[in-house]
PDB file of all heavy atoms in Angstrom:
ATOM      1  N   MET A   1       7.564 137.499 157.875  1.00  0.00           N
ATOM      2  CA  MET A   1       6.739 138.650 157.593  1.00  0.00           C
ATOM      3  C   MET A   1       7.489 139.607 156.683  1.00  0.00           C
ATOM      4  O   MET A   1       8.679 139.822 156.863  1.00  0.00           O
ATOM      5  CB  MET A   1       6.419 139.389 158.871  1.00  0.00           C
ATOM      6  CG  MET A   1       5.389 138.787 159.811  1.00  0.00           C
ATOM      7  SD  MET A   1       4.464 137.384 159.308  1.00  0.00           S
ATOM      8  CE  MET A   1       5.430 136.108 160.016  1.00  0.00           C
ATOM      9  N   ALA A   2       6.780 140.178 155.760  1.00  0.00           N
ATOM     10  CA  ALA A   2       7.412 141.113 154.840  1.00  0.00           C
ATOM     11  C   ALA A   2       7.894 142.354 155.584  1.00  0.00           C
ATOM     12  O   ALA A   2       8.961 142.873 155.303  1.00  0.00           O
ATOM     13  CB  ALA A   2       6.437 141.506 153.742  1.00  0.00           C
ATOM     14  N   ASN A   3       7.113 142.838 156.526  1.00  0.00           N
ATOM     15  CA  ASN A   3       7.458 144.056 157.254  1.00  0.00           C
ATOM     16  C   ASN A   3       7.847 143.758 158.705  1.00  0.00           C
ATOM     17  O   ASN A   3       7.503 144.488 159.622  1.00  0.00           O
ATOM     18  CB  ASN A   3       6.305 145.059 157.202  1.00  0.00           C
ATOM     19  CG  ASN A   3       5.048 144.553 157.890  1.00  0.00           C
ATOM     20  OD1 ASN A   3       4.891 143.350 158.130  1.00  0.00           O
ATOM     21  ND2 ASN A   3       4.151 145.456 158.200  1.00  0.00           N
ATOM     22  N   GLY A   4       8.605 142.709 158.881  1.00  0.00           N
ATOM     23  CA  GLY A   4       9.087 142.353 160.214  1.00  0.00           C
ATOM     24  C   GLY A   4      10.123 143.339 160.716  1.00  0.00           C
ATOM     25  O   GLY A   4      10.564 144.234 159.995  1.00  0.00           O
ATOM     26  N   PRO A   5      10.546 143.167 161.952  1.00  0.00           N
ATOM     27  CA  PRO A   5      11.549 144.069 162.528  1.00  0.00           C
ATOM     28  C   PRO A   5      12.864 144.012 161.758  1.00  0.00           C
ATOM     29  O   PRO A   5      13.217 142.984 161.175  1.00  0.00           O
ATOM     30  CB  PRO A   5      11.749 143.515 163.944  1.00  0.00           C
ATOM     31  CG  PRO A   5      10.574 142.662 164.213  1.00  0.00           C
ATOM     32  CD  PRO A   5      10.103 142.154 162.897  1.00  0.00           C
ATOM     33  N   THR A   6      13.572 145.127 161.748  1.00  0.00           N
ATOM     34  CA  THR A   6      14.859 145.203 161.058  1.00  0.00           C
ATOM     35  C   THR A   6      15.959 145.568 162.053  1.00  0.00           C
ATOM     36  O   THR A   6      15.686 145.852 163.211  1.00  0.00           O
ATOM     37  CB  THR A   6      14.819 146.255 159.931  1.00  0.00           C
ATOM     38  OG1 THR A   6      14.507 147.521 160.500  1.00  0.00           O
ATOM     39  CG2 THR A   6      13.787 145.900 158.878  1.00  0.00           C
ATOM     40  N   GLY A   7      17.170 145.560 161.567  1.00  0.00           N
ATOM     41  CA  GLY A   7      18.330 145.936 162.382  1.00  0.00           C
ATOM     42  C   GLY A   7      19.328 144.796 162.442  1.00  0.00           C
ATOM     43  O   GLY A   7      19.001 143.716 162.934  1.00  0.00           O
ATOM     44  N   ARG A   8      20.516 145.014 161.930  1.00  0.00           N
ATOM     45  CA  ARG A   8      21.531 143.952 161.848  1.00  0.00           C
ATOM     46  C   ARG A   8      21.760 143.252 163.178  1.00  0.00           C
ATOM     47  O   ARG A   8      22.011 142.063 163.214  1.00  0.00           O
ATOM     48  CB  ARG A   8      22.851 144.523 161.339  1.00  0.00           C
ATOM     49  CG  ARG A   8      22.798 144.921 159.872  1.00  0.00           C
ATOM     50  CD  ARG A   8      24.144 145.383 159.361  1.00  0.00           C
ATOM     51  NE  ARG A   8      25.117 144.316 159.264  1.00  0.00           N
ATOM     52  CZ  ARG A   8      25.234 143.477 158.252  1.00  0.00           C
ATOM     53  NH1 ARG A   8      24.409 143.564 157.229  1.00  0.00           N
ATOM     54  NH2 ARG A   8      26.169 142.549 158.238  1.00  0.00           N
ATOM     55  N   LEU A   9      21.693 143.975 164.275  1.00  0.00           N
ATOM     56  CA  LEU A   9      21.952 143.387 165.588  1.00  0.00           C
ATOM     57  C   LEU A   9      20.679 143.067 166.363  1.00  0.00           C
ATOM     58  O   LEU A   9      20.741 142.640 167.508  1.00  0.00           O
ATOM     59  CB  LEU A   9      22.849 144.320 166.407  1.00  0.00           C
ATOM     60  CG  LEU A   9      24.208 144.645 165.781  1.00  0.00           C
ATOM     61  CD1 LEU A   9      24.985 145.638 166.635  1.00  0.00           C
ATOM     62  CD2 LEU A   9      25.015 143.381 165.550  1.00  0.00           C
ATOM     63  N   ASN A  10      19.539 143.277 165.747  1.00  0.00           N
ATOM     64  CA  ASN A  10      18.249 143.041 166.395  1.00  0.00           C
ATOM     65  C   ASN A  10      17.929 141.536 166.379  1.00  0.00           C
ATOM     66  O   ASN A  10      17.728 140.965 165.313  1.00  0.00           O
ATOM     67  CB  ASN A  10      17.152 143.819 165.672  1.00  0.00           C
ATOM     68  CG  ASN A  10      15.795 143.687 166.315  1.00  0.00           C
ATOM     69  OD1 ASN A  10      15.604 142.929 167.257  1.00  0.00           O
ATOM     70  ND2 ASN A  10      14.844 144.435 165.794  1.00  0.00           N
ATOM     71  N   PRO A  11      17.856 140.891 167.541  1.00  0.00           N
ATOM     72  CA  PRO A  11      17.541 139.461 167.551  1.00  0.00           C
ATOM     73  C   PRO A  11      16.110 139.158 167.092  1.00  0.00           C
ATOM     74  O   PRO A  11      15.786 138.012 166.802  1.00  0.00           O
ATOM     75  CB  PRO A  11      17.744 139.057 169.008  1.00  0.00           C
ATOM     76  CG  PRO A  11      17.583 140.318 169.780  1.00  0.00           C
ATOM     77  CD  PRO A  11      18.049 141.425 168.882  1.00  0.00           C
ATOM     78  N   GLN A  12      15.266 140.173 166.985  1.00  0.00           N
ATOM     79  CA  GLN A  12      13.889 139.998 166.533  1.00  0.00           C
ATOM     80  C   GLN A  12      13.736 140.216 165.031  1.00  0.00           C
ATOM     81  O   GLN A  12      12.649 140.055 164.496  1.00  0.00           O
ATOM     82  CB  GLN A  12      12.967 140.965 167.286  1.00  0.00           C
ATOM     83  CG  GLN A  12      12.928 140.750 168.771  1.00  0.00           C
ATOM     84  CD  GLN A  12      12.391 139.388 169.143  1.00  0.00           C
ATOM     85  OE1 GLN A  12      11.414 138.918 168.582  1.00  0.00           O
ATOM     86  NE2 GLN A  12      13.042 138.727 170.091  1.00  0.00           N
ATOM     87  N   ARG A  13      14.811 140.578 164.336  1.00  0.00           N
ATOM     88  CA  ARG A  13      14.705 140.885 162.902  1.00  0.00           C
ATOM     89  C   ARG A  13      14.191 139.670 162.135  1.00  0.00           C
ATOM     90  O   ARG A  13      14.492 138.529 162.483  1.00  0.00           O
ATOM     91  CB  ARG A  13      16.042 141.345 162.330  1.00  0.00           C
ATOM     92  CG  ARG A  13      17.018 140.226 162.117  1.00  0.00           C
ATOM     93  CD  ARG A  13      18.202 140.684 161.262  1.00  0.00           C
ATOM     94  NE  ARG A  13      18.977 139.527 160.876  1.00  0.00           N
ATOM     95  CZ  ARG A  13      18.731 138.775 159.812  1.00  0.00           C
ATOM     96  NH1 ARG A  13      17.749 139.087 159.003  1.00  0.00           N
ATOM     97  NH2 ARG A  13      19.459 137.709 159.551  1.00  0.00           N
ATOM     98  N   GLN A  14      13.392 139.944 161.103  1.00  0.00           N
ATOM     99  CA  GLN A  14      12.824 138.846 160.328  1.00  0.00           C
ATOM    100  C   GLN A  14      12.165 139.382 159.077  1.00  0.00           C
ATOM    101  O   GLN A  14      11.583 140.461 159.086  1.00  0.00           O
ATOM    102  CB  GLN A  14      11.780 138.086 161.150  1.00  0.00           C
ATOM    103  CG  GLN A  14      11.155 136.921 160.427  1.00  0.00           C
ATOM    104  CD  GLN A  14      10.219 136.149 161.344  1.00  0.00           C
ATOM    105  OE1 GLN A  14       9.470 136.727 162.101  1.00  0.00           O
ATOM    106  NE2 GLN A  14      10.294 134.837 161.279  1.00  0.00           N
ATOM    107  N   GLY A  15      12.253 138.621 158.012  1.00  0.00           N
ATOM    108  CA  GLY A  15      11.442 138.885 156.843  1.00  0.00           C
ATOM    109  C   GLY A  15      12.114 139.613 155.704  1.00  0.00           C
ATOM    110  O   GLY A  15      13.323 139.857 155.692  1.00  0.00           O
ATOM    111  N   LEU A  16      11.293 139.962 154.748  1.00  0.00           N
ATOM    112  CA  LEU A  16      11.748 140.556 153.500  1.00  0.00           C
ATOM    113  C   LEU A  16      12.427 141.904 153.719  1.00  0.00           C
ATOM    114  O   LEU A  16      13.518 142.145 153.203  1.00  0.00           O
ATOM    115  CB  LEU A  16      10.542 140.698 152.557  1.00  0.00           C
ATOM    116  CG  LEU A  16      10.820 141.181 151.148  1.00  0.00           C
ATOM    117  CD1 LEU A  16      11.789 140.253 150.435  1.00  0.00           C
ATOM    118  CD2 LEU A  16       9.514 141.266 150.384  1.00  0.00           C
ATOM    119  N   ASN A  17      11.813 142.812 154.478  1.00  0.00           N
ATOM    120  CA  ASN A  17      12.425 144.120 154.729  1.00  0.00           C
ATOM    121  C   ASN A  17      13.783 143.975 155.386  1.00  0.00           C
ATOM    122  O   ASN A  17      14.726 144.678 155.050  1.00  0.00           O
ATOM    123  CB  ASN A  17      11.527 144.991 155.610  1.00  0.00           C
ATOM    124  CG  ASN A  17      10.368 145.576 154.850  1.00  0.00           C
ATOM    125  OD1 ASN A  17      10.239 145.391 153.648  1.00  0.00           O
ATOM    126  ND2 ASN A  17       9.508 146.275 155.556  1.00  0.00           N
ATOM    127  N   SER A  18      13.900 143.074 156.329  1.00  0.00           N
ATOM    128  CA  SER A  18      15.171 142.861 157.013  1.00  0.00           C
ATOM    129  C   SER A  18      16.221 142.340 156.048  1.00  0.00           C
ATOM    130  O   SER A  18      17.373 142.783 156.064  1.00  0.00           O
ATOM    131  CB  SER A  18      14.995 141.885 158.178  1.00  0.00           C
ATOM    132  OG  SER A  18      16.248 141.577 158.742  1.00  0.00           O
ATOM    133  N   ALA A  19      15.857 141.407 155.209  1.00  0.00           N
ATOM    134  CA  ALA A  19      16.820 140.852 154.249  1.00  0.00           C
ATOM    135  C   ALA A  19      17.344 141.936 153.310  1.00  0.00           C
ATOM    136  O   ALA A  19      18.536 141.995 153.035  1.00  0.00           O
ATOM    137  CB  ALA A  19      16.171 139.726 153.455  1.00  0.00           C
ATOM    138  N   LEU A  20      16.463 142.815 152.851  1.00  0.00           N
ATOM    139  CA  LEU A  20      16.865 143.862 151.919  1.00  0.00           C
ATOM    140  C   LEU A  20      17.605 145.007 152.620  1.00  0.00           C
ATOM    141  O   LEU A  20      18.662 145.433 152.175  1.00  0.00           O
ATOM    142  CB  LEU A  20      15.643 144.409 151.179  1.00  0.00           C
ATOM    143  CG  LEU A  20      14.913 143.409 150.277  1.00  0.00           C
ATOM    144  CD1 LEU A  20      13.629 144.017 149.737  1.00  0.00           C
ATOM    145  CD2 LEU A  20      15.812 142.936 149.156  1.00  0.00           C
ATOM    146  N   LYS A  21      17.060 145.480 153.722  1.00  0.00           N
ATOM    147  CA  LYS A  21      17.637 146.636 154.420  1.00  0.00           C
ATOM    148  C   LYS A  21      18.910 146.267 155.171  1.00  0.00           C
ATOM    149  O   LYS A  21      19.899 146.997 155.127  1.00  0.00           O
ATOM    150  CB  LYS A  21      16.606 147.206 155.388  1.00  0.00           C
ATOM    151  CG  LYS A  21      17.069 148.430 156.130  1.00  0.00           C
ATOM    152  CD  LYS A  21      15.989 148.966 157.030  1.00  0.00           C
ATOM    153  CE  LYS A  21      16.496 150.174 157.794  1.00  0.00           C
ATOM    154  NZ  LYS A  21      15.513 150.665 158.736  1.00  0.00           N
ATOM    155  N   ASP A  22      18.896 145.146 155.863  1.00  0.00           N
ATOM    156  CA  ASP A  22      20.031 144.757 156.695  1.00  0.00           C
ATOM    157  C   ASP A  22      21.089 143.984 155.921  1.00  0.00           C
ATOM    158  O   ASP A  22      22.168 143.704 156.433  1.00  0.00           O
ATOM    159  CB  ASP A  22      19.559 143.921 157.883  1.00  0.00           C
ATOM    160  CG  ASP A  22      18.542 144.659 158.742  1.00  0.00           C
ATOM    161  OD1 ASP A  22      18.611 145.899 158.797  1.00  0.00           O
ATOM    162  OD2 ASP A  22      17.682 143.991 159.337  1.00  0.00           O
ATOM    163  N   LYS A  23      20.751 143.599 154.686  1.00  0.00           N
ATOM    164  CA  LYS A  23      21.659 142.829 153.817  1.00  0.00           C
ATOM    165  C   LYS A  23      22.144 141.557 154.504  1.00  0.00           C
ATOM    166  O   LYS A  23      23.318 141.202 154.473  1.00  0.00           O
ATOM    167  CB  LYS A  23      22.829 143.699 153.367  1.00  0.00           C
ATOM    168  CG  LYS A  23      22.369 144.865 152.512  1.00  0.00           C
ATOM    169  CD  LYS A  23      23.518 145.684 152.013  1.00  0.00           C
ATOM    170  CE  LYS A  23      22.978 146.719 151.056  1.00  0.00           C
ATOM    171  NZ  LYS A  23      23.203 148.048 151.410  1.00  0.00           N
ATOM    172  N   LEU A  24      21.190 140.882 155.132  1.00  0.00           N
ATOM    173  CA  LEU A  24      21.437 139.600 155.794  1.00  0.00           C
ATOM    174  C   LEU A  24      20.450 138.582 155.251  1.00  0.00           C
ATOM    175  O   LEU A  24      19.386 138.954 154.759  1.00  0.00           O
ATOM    176  CB  LEU A  24      21.258 139.733 157.308  1.00  0.00           C
ATOM    177  CG  LEU A  24      22.262 140.623 158.035  1.00  0.00           C
ATOM    178  CD1 LEU A  24      21.796 140.878 159.456  1.00  0.00           C
ATOM    179  CD2 LEU A  24      23.637 139.991 158.025  1.00  0.00           C
ATOM    180  N   PRO A  25      20.762 137.295 155.345  1.00  0.00           N
ATOM    181  CA  PRO A  25      19.786 136.291 154.890  1.00  0.00           C
ATOM    182  C   PRO A  25      18.469 136.434 155.655  1.00  0.00           C
ATOM    183  O   PRO A  25      18.473 136.742 156.852  1.00  0.00           O
ATOM    184  CB  PRO A  25      20.461 134.959 155.225  1.00  0.00           C
ATOM    185  CG  PRO A  25      21.907 135.272 155.379  1.00  0.00           C
ATOM    186  CD  PRO A  25      21.982 136.689 155.860  1.00  0.00           C
ATOM    187  N   PRO A  26      17.341 136.235 154.978  1.00  0.00           N
ATOM    188  CA  PRO A  26      16.060 136.350 155.675  1.00  0.00           C
ATOM    189  C   PRO A  26      15.885 135.247 156.707  1.00  0.00           C
ATOM    190  O   PRO A  26      16.405 134.145 156.548  1.00  0.00           O
ATOM    191  CB  PRO A  26      15.027 136.210 154.560  1.00  0.00           C
ATOM    192  CG  PRO A  26      15.739 135.481 153.483  1.00  0.00           C
ATOM    193  CD  PRO A  26      17.190 135.849 153.588  1.00  0.00           C
ATOM    194  N   LEU A  27      15.212 135.562 157.775  1.00  0.00           N
ATOM    195  CA  LEU A  27      14.842 134.564 158.786  1.00  0.00           C
ATOM    196  C   LEU A  27      13.377 134.239 158.541  1.00  0.00           C
ATOM    197  O   LEU A  27      12.486 134.940 158.995  1.00  0.00           O
ATOM    198  CB  LEU A  27      15.067 135.114 160.198  1.00  0.00           C
ATOM    199  CG  LEU A  27      16.516 135.473 160.521  1.00  0.00           C
ATOM    200  CD1 LEU A  27      16.606 136.180 161.857  1.00  0.00           C
ATOM    201  CD2 LEU A  27      17.388 134.240 160.518  1.00  0.00           C
ATOM    202  N   ASN A  28      13.143 133.195 157.784  1.00  0.00           N
ATOM    203  CA  ASN A  28      11.790 132.814 157.402  1.00  0.00           C
ATOM    204  C   ASN A  28      11.232 131.782 158.369  1.00  0.00           C
ATOM    205  O   ASN A  28      11.927 131.266 159.229  1.00  0.00           O
ATOM    206  CB  ASN A  28      11.787 132.263 155.979  1.00  0.00           C
ATOM    207  CG  ASN A  28      12.205 133.306 154.972  1.00  0.00           C
ATOM    208  OD1 ASN A  28      11.775 134.448 155.046  1.00  0.00           O
ATOM    209  ND2 ASN A  28      13.042 132.922 154.041  1.00  0.00           N
ATOM    210  N   LEU A  29       9.989 131.466 158.177  1.00  0.00           N
ATOM    211  CA  LEU A  29       9.293 130.484 158.987  1.00  0.00           C
ATOM    212  C   LEU A  29       9.003 129.265 158.136  1.00  0.00           C
ATOM    213  O   LEU A  29       8.435 129.386 157.058  1.00  0.00           O
ATOM    214  CB  LEU A  29       7.987 131.104 159.492  1.00  0.00           C
ATOM    215  CG  LEU A  29       7.143 130.287 160.417  1.00  0.00           C
ATOM    216  CD1 LEU A  29       7.848 130.116 161.760  1.00  0.00           C
ATOM    217  CD2 LEU A  29       5.819 130.962 160.625  1.00  0.00           C
ATOM    218  N   VAL A  30       9.427 128.105 158.593  1.00  0.00           N
ATOM    219  CA  VAL A  30       9.218 126.860 157.859  1.00  0.00           C
ATOM    220  C   VAL A  30       8.299 125.973 158.685  1.00  0.00           C
ATOM    221  O   VAL A  30       8.537 125.765 159.875  1.00  0.00           O
ATOM    222  CB  VAL A  30      10.562 126.148 157.604  1.00  0.00           C
ATOM    223  CG1 VAL A  30      10.350 124.838 156.888  1.00  0.00           C
ATOM    224  CG2 VAL A  30      11.492 127.042 156.807  1.00  0.00           C
ATOM    225  N   GLY A  31       7.249 125.464 158.045  1.00  0.00           N
ATOM    226  CA  GLY A  31       6.275 124.644 158.760  1.00  0.00           C
ATOM    227  C   GLY A  31       6.762 123.256 159.113  1.00  0.00           C
ATOM    228  O   GLY A  31       6.464 122.735 160.172  1.00  0.00           O
ATOM    229  N   GLY A  32       7.527 122.623 158.264  1.00  0.00           N
ATOM    230  CA  GLY A  32       7.964 121.260 158.522  1.00  0.00           C
ATOM    231  C   GLY A  32       9.400 121.041 158.094  1.00  0.00           C
ATOM    232  O   GLY A  32       9.863 121.636 157.136  1.00  0.00           O
ATOM    233  N   LEU A  33      10.111 120.222 158.808  1.00  0.00           N
ATOM    234  CA  LEU A  33      11.509 119.934 158.510  1.00  0.00           C
ATOM    235  C   LEU A  33      11.680 118.461 158.153  1.00  0.00           C
ATOM    236  O   LEU A  33      11.030 117.604 158.737  1.00  0.00           O
ATOM    237  CB  LEU A  33      12.393 120.238 159.724  1.00  0.00           C
ATOM    238  CG  LEU A  33      12.425 121.693 160.183  1.00  0.00           C
ATOM    239  CD1 LEU A  33      13.172 121.811 161.488  1.00  0.00           C
ATOM    240  CD2 LEU A  33      13.058 122.568 159.128  1.00  0.00           C
ATOM    241  N   PRO A  34      12.589 118.171 157.238  1.00  0.00           N
ATOM    242  CA  PRO A  34      12.835 116.764 156.911  1.00  0.00           C
ATOM    243  C   PRO A  34      13.287 116.011 158.153  1.00  0.00           C
ATOM    244  O   PRO A  34      13.964 116.565 158.999  1.00  0.00           O
ATOM    245  CB  PRO A  34      13.950 116.816 155.873  1.00  0.00           C
ATOM    246  CG  PRO A  34      14.240 118.242 155.597  1.00  0.00           C
ATOM    247  CD  PRO A  34      13.462 119.081 156.537  1.00  0.00           C
ATOM    248  N   THR A  35      12.910 114.781 158.252  1.00  0.00           N
ATOM    249  CA  THR A  35      13.180 113.862 159.372  1.00  0.00           C
ATOM    250  C   THR A  35      12.358 114.179 160.612  1.00  0.00           C
ATOM    251  O   THR A  35      12.331 113.395 161.531  1.00  0.00           O
ATOM    252  CB  THR A  35      14.683 113.791 159.771  1.00  0.00           C
ATOM    253  OG1 THR A  35      15.078 114.997 160.427  1.00  0.00           O
ATOM    254  CG2 THR A  35      15.566 113.523 158.574  1.00  0.00           C
ATOM    255  N   VAL A  36      11.674 115.322 160.636  1.00  0.00           N
ATOM    256  CA  VAL A  36      10.826 115.671 161.783  1.00  0.00           C
ATOM    257  C   VAL A  36       9.356 115.602 161.389  1.00  0.00           C
ATOM    258  O   VAL A  36       8.551 115.000 162.084  1.00  0.00           O
ATOM    259  CB  VAL A  36      11.170 117.072 162.334  1.00  0.00           C
ATOM    260  CG1 VAL A  36      10.214 117.466 163.439  1.00  0.00           C
ATOM    261  CG2 VAL A  36      12.616 117.112 162.822  1.00  0.00           C
TER     262      VAL A  36
END
């Protein structure tokens, strides 16, 4: 989500805002994984 929760120590952080504000890699959602 673009406007997901933020906070470097927040286990719920996710998305574009978190990546920019928290300066951490985004936690995105992937529908399918190779080999699965």
